[in-house]
């Protein structure tokens, strides 16, 4: 199963290239339009959107209306990460997303949800929090387009990365290789210029970065350095 988006104008991520996905959770909430332009101008690949419900995680962020409004201003690849309970209730509302990821811990019927997302014409992702063992994903790996490993406890930006989570990235990357699967591995939480290369070395394909990106004085240079060149 190749990660072929079907919308090439909004997708330039390929296996073997590090994809940088700035998270608008770390942006100025009074200027999301400006944040999108900043991401696009920097040369980053995706726009990451952290949707929080104040229940699965102890914070609230935004919902599908914001994604819809931003879609009218951008052709970027929208990578939506649902940190919510009962994700099946909100997934159908994200018609403007390109990829939708929900949490293994929040869903009983993950397999069903993955195929619901694919039925919408989107890439389907599954995520785990730091306390969930990577082996819990074993049965679902053949059915995903993206695995998102949280490297902090989700809910707030600017946290310090939990390095033990890189062992999970390496485990998932090895499983992908052994089983001849073709999904992307993403990491989210504490990713900056100091930790990016560790994440890549562990097997990550997608680096979600929030606070570090928006605090960078030269965002184009930041993206270049994140990729390691």
Protein backbone atom coordinates (compact mmCIF):
# COMPACT_ATOMS: atom_id res chain seq x y z
CA UNK A 1 0.00 0.00 0.00
CA UNK A 2 1.76 3.12 -1.21
CA UNK A 3 1.26 6.51 0.37
CA UNK A 4 -0.09 8.07 -2.81
CA UNK A 5 -2.30 11.00 -1.96
CA UNK A 6 -4.30 11.26 -5.14
CA UNK A 7 -4.05 15.05 -4.85
CA UNK A 8 -0.49 15.73 -6.03
CA UNK A 9 -1.00 19.48 -5.90
CA UNK A 10 -1.33 19.15 -2.12
CA UNK A 11 1.19 16.40 -1.44
CA UNK A 12 4.93 16.22 -2.01
CA UNK A 13 5.88 13.77 0.72
CA UNK A 14 7.50 10.55 -0.48
CA UNK A 15 9.18 7.69 1.29
CA UNK A 16 12.80 8.61 1.87
CA UNK A 17 12.22 12.34 2.22
CA UNK A 18 11.77 13.92 5.63
CA UNK A 19 8.42 15.70 5.75
CA UNK A 20 8.22 18.76 8.00
CA UNK A 21 4.78 19.54 9.40
CA UNK A 22 4.50 22.72 11.49
CA UNK A 23 1.61 22.62 13.93
CA UNK A 24 -0.68 25.64 14.01
CA UNK A 25 -1.43 24.84 17.65
CA UNK A 26 1.68 26.90 18.41
CA UNK A 27 0.61 29.82 16.20
CA UNK A 28 -0.99 33.09 17.26
CA UNK A 29 -4.67 32.13 17.43
CA UNK A 30 -5.65 35.63 16.33
CA UNK A 31 -3.89 35.15 12.98
CA UNK A 32 -4.26 31.60 11.67
CA UNK A 33 -4.29 32.90 8.10
CA UNK A 34 -0.91 34.50 8.66
CA UNK A 35 0.35 31.28 10.23
CA UNK A 36 -0.63 29.26 7.16
CA UNK A 37 1.17 31.73 4.87
CA UNK A 38 4.22 31.56 7.14
CA UNK A 39 4.27 27.76 6.89
CA UNK A 40 3.89 27.80 3.11
CA UNK A 41 6.57 30.47 2.65
CA UNK A 42 9.04 28.53 4.82
CA UNK A 43 9.16 25.57 2.47
CA UNK A 44 7.56 23.19 4.97
CA UNK A 45 5.59 20.27 3.55
CA UNK A 46 2.40 19.87 5.61
CA UNK A 47 0.19 21.88 7.95
CA UNK A 48 -0.46 19.92 11.13
CA UNK A 49 -3.74 20.60 12.96
CA UNK A 50 -4.13 19.42 16.55
CA UNK A 51 -7.81 19.12 17.42
CA UNK A 52 -8.41 18.83 21.18
CA UNK A 53 -11.69 18.31 23.02
CA UNK A 54 -10.73 19.04 26.63
CA UNK A 55 -11.59 15.44 27.54
CA UNK A 56 -9.14 13.09 25.86
CA UNK A 57 -6.50 15.75 26.59
CA UNK A 58 -6.70 18.56 29.17
CA UNK A 59 -7.02 21.37 26.66
CA UNK A 60 -9.29 22.77 23.95
CA UNK A 61 -8.10 23.95 20.57
CA UNK A 62 -10.36 24.27 17.51
CA UNK A 63 -12.66 22.30 15.26
CA UNK A 64 -13.52 21.64 11.60
CA UNK A 65 -14.73 25.20 10.94
CA UNK A 66 -11.18 26.51 11.22
CA UNK A 67 -9.88 23.88 8.83
CA UNK A 68 -12.65 24.72 6.35
CA UNK A 69 -11.88 28.43 6.48
CA UNK A 70 -8.15 27.86 6.08
CA UNK A 71 -8.71 25.53 3.14
CA UNK A 72 -10.13 28.47 1.19
CA UNK A 73 -6.80 30.26 1.71
CA UNK A 74 -4.41 27.36 1.17
CA UNK A 75 -3.72 24.36 -1.04
CA UNK A 76 -1.33 22.88 1.53
CA UNK A 77 -1.58 19.29 2.74
CA UNK A 78 -3.75 19.40 5.89
CA UNK A 79 -2.66 16.79 8.43
CA UNK A 80 -5.44 16.63 11.05
CA UNK A 81 -4.65 14.99 14.39
CA UNK A 82 -7.74 14.24 16.48
CA UNK A 83 -6.96 14.18 20.20
CA UNK A 84 -10.58 13.56 21.11
CA UNK A 85 -12.85 10.98 22.67
CA UNK A 86 -15.33 9.28 20.32
CA UNK A 87 -13.42 10.35 17.16
CA UNK A 88 -16.08 8.65 15.04
CA UNK A 89 -18.42 11.55 15.84
CA UNK A 90 -16.14 14.25 14.42
CA UNK A 91 -14.27 12.50 11.60
CA UNK A 92 -17.05 13.09 9.02
CA UNK A 93 -16.82 16.86 9.61
CA UNK A 94 -13.22 17.10 8.38
CA UNK A 95 -14.00 16.92 4.67
CA UNK A 96 -11.25 19.44 3.86
CA UNK A 97 -8.46 17.40 5.48
CA UNK A 98 -5.95 15.38 3.46
CA UNK A 99 -5.01 13.04 6.32
CA UNK A 100 -6.96 12.29 9.49
CA UNK A 101 -5.32 10.62 12.48
CA UNK A 102 -7.14 9.46 15.60
CA UNK A 103 -5.91 7.81 18.79
CA UNK A 104 -5.84 4.09 19.38
CA UNK A 105 -6.68 4.80 23.02
CA UNK A 106 -9.85 6.70 22.07
CA UNK A 107 -11.46 4.20 19.70
CA UNK A 108 -12.84 0.71 20.16
CA UNK A 109 -13.23 -0.11 16.47
CA UNK A 110 -10.05 1.36 15.01
CA UNK A 111 -10.12 -0.82 11.90
CA UNK A 112 -13.62 0.40 11.03
CA UNK A 113 -12.63 4.04 11.52
CA UNK A 114 -9.54 3.72 9.34
CA UNK A 115 -11.63 2.49 6.45
CA UNK A 116 -14.24 5.17 7.07
CA UNK A 117 -11.50 7.77 6.67
CA UNK A 118 -10.26 6.10 3.50
CA UNK A 119 -13.83 6.02 2.23
CA UNK A 120 -13.80 9.82 2.50
CA UNK A 121 -10.79 9.88 0.18
CA UNK A 122 -8.36 10.76 2.99
CA UNK A 123 -5.20 9.17 4.30
CA UNK A 124 -5.89 7.30 7.52
CA UNK A 125 -3.63 7.54 10.55
CA UNK A 126 -3.45 6.05 14.03
CA UNK A 127 -1.66 7.60 17.02
CA UNK A 128 -0.45 6.45 20.43
CA UNK A 129 0.44 8.39 23.58
CA UNK A 130 3.78 7.82 25.38
CA UNK A 131 2.32 5.28 27.83
CA UNK A 132 0.93 2.99 25.10
CA UNK A 133 3.31 0.20 23.94
CA UNK A 134 4.06 0.20 20.22
CA UNK A 135 3.18 -3.50 20.02
CA UNK A 136 -0.46 -2.53 20.60
CA UNK A 137 -0.48 -1.36 16.98
CA UNK A 138 0.52 -4.74 15.58
CA UNK A 139 -2.87 -5.81 14.22
CA UNK A 140 -3.66 -2.43 12.70
CA UNK A 141 -0.38 -1.64 10.91
CA UNK A 142 -1.36 -3.25 7.57
CA UNK A 143 -4.37 -0.93 7.41
CA UNK A 144 -2.81 2.49 8.05
CA UNK A 145 -1.25 5.18 5.92
CA UNK A 146 0.34 6.97 8.87
CA UNK A 147 1.44 6.11 12.42
CA UNK A 148 1.87 9.07 14.75
CA UNK A 149 3.99 8.47 17.85
CA UNK A 150 3.44 11.12 20.50
CA UNK A 151 6.77 12.00 22.07
CA UNK A 152 5.16 14.10 24.82
CA UNK A 153 1.95 13.65 26.76
CA UNK A 154 -0.53 15.39 24.45
CA UNK A 155 -2.47 18.50 25.32
CA UNK A 156 0.02 21.35 25.39
CA UNK A 157 2.82 22.66 23.19
CA UNK A 158 6.36 23.46 24.27
CA UNK A 159 6.97 20.27 26.29
CA UNK A 160 10.27 18.43 26.59
CA UNK A 161 10.52 15.33 24.44
CA UNK A 162 10.37 11.90 26.12
CA UNK A 163 13.33 10.15 24.49
CA UNK A 164 12.17 6.65 25.36
CA UNK A 165 9.50 7.15 22.71
CA UNK A 166 12.16 6.88 20.00
CA UNK A 167 12.42 3.18 20.88
CA UNK A 168 8.80 2.86 19.79
CA UNK A 169 9.57 4.64 16.53
CA UNK A 170 12.42 2.22 15.88
CA UNK A 171 10.19 -0.76 16.69
CA UNK A 172 7.46 0.41 14.30
CA UNK A 173 10.04 1.11 11.58
CA UNK A 174 11.43 -2.42 11.97
CA UNK A 175 7.94 -3.92 11.82
CA UNK A 176 7.27 -1.95 8.64
CA UNK A 177 10.43 -3.34 7.08
CA UNK A 178 9.89 -6.94 8.20
CA UNK A 179 6.28 -7.00 7.04
CA UNK A 180 6.92 -5.10 3.78
CA UNK A 181 4.41 -2.38 4.68
CA UNK A 182 4.38 1.15 3.32
CA UNK A 183 3.11 3.72 5.79
CA UNK A 184 4.69 6.88 7.12
CA UNK A 185 5.90 7.27 10.70
CA UNK A 186 5.33 10.65 12.30
CA UNK A 187 6.54 12.05 15.63
CA UNK A 188 4.95 14.91 17.54
CA UNK A 189 6.15 16.62 20.70
CA UNK A 190 9.37 18.40 21.58
CA UNK A 191 10.71 18.25 18.03
CA UNK A 192 13.27 20.98 17.39
CA UNK A 193 16.72 21.39 15.87
CA UNK A 194 18.29 19.39 18.72
CA UNK A 195 15.93 16.42 18.51
CA UNK A 196 15.05 16.28 14.79
CA UNK A 197 18.02 14.16 13.76
CA UNK A 198 17.40 11.71 16.61
CA UNK A 199 13.85 11.31 15.37
CA UNK A 200 15.01 10.72 11.80
CA UNK A 201 17.66 8.24 12.93
CA UNK A 202 15.01 6.29 14.84
CA UNK A 203 12.95 5.92 11.67
CA UNK A 204 10.64 8.93 11.53
CA UNK A 205 9.44 10.17 8.14
CA UNK A 206 7.34 13.10 9.36
CA UNK A 207 8.44 15.65 11.96
CA UNK A 208 5.68 17.67 13.59
CA UNK A 209 7.08 20.86 15.07
CA UNK A 210 5.18 23.65 16.74
CA UNK A 211 6.79 25.98 19.24
CA UNK A 212 10.28 25.62 17.75
CA UNK A 213 9.02 26.54 14.27
CA UNK A 214 7.00 29.57 15.27
CA UNK A 215 9.76 30.84 17.58
CA UNK A 216 12.40 30.59 14.83
CA UNK A 217 13.53 33.97 13.52
CA UNK A 218 14.33 32.53 10.08
CA UNK A 219 11.75 29.84 9.40
CA UNK A 220 13.11 28.88 5.96
CA UNK A 221 16.52 28.19 7.49
CA UNK A 222 14.85 26.34 10.34
CA UNK A 223 13.13 23.98 7.90
CA UNK A 224 16.39 23.42 6.02
CA UNK A 225 18.23 22.56 9.23
CA UNK A 226 15.43 20.26 10.37
CA UNK A 227 15.99 18.16 7.28
CA UNK A 228 19.69 18.00 8.08
CA UNK A 229 21.07 20.03 5.18
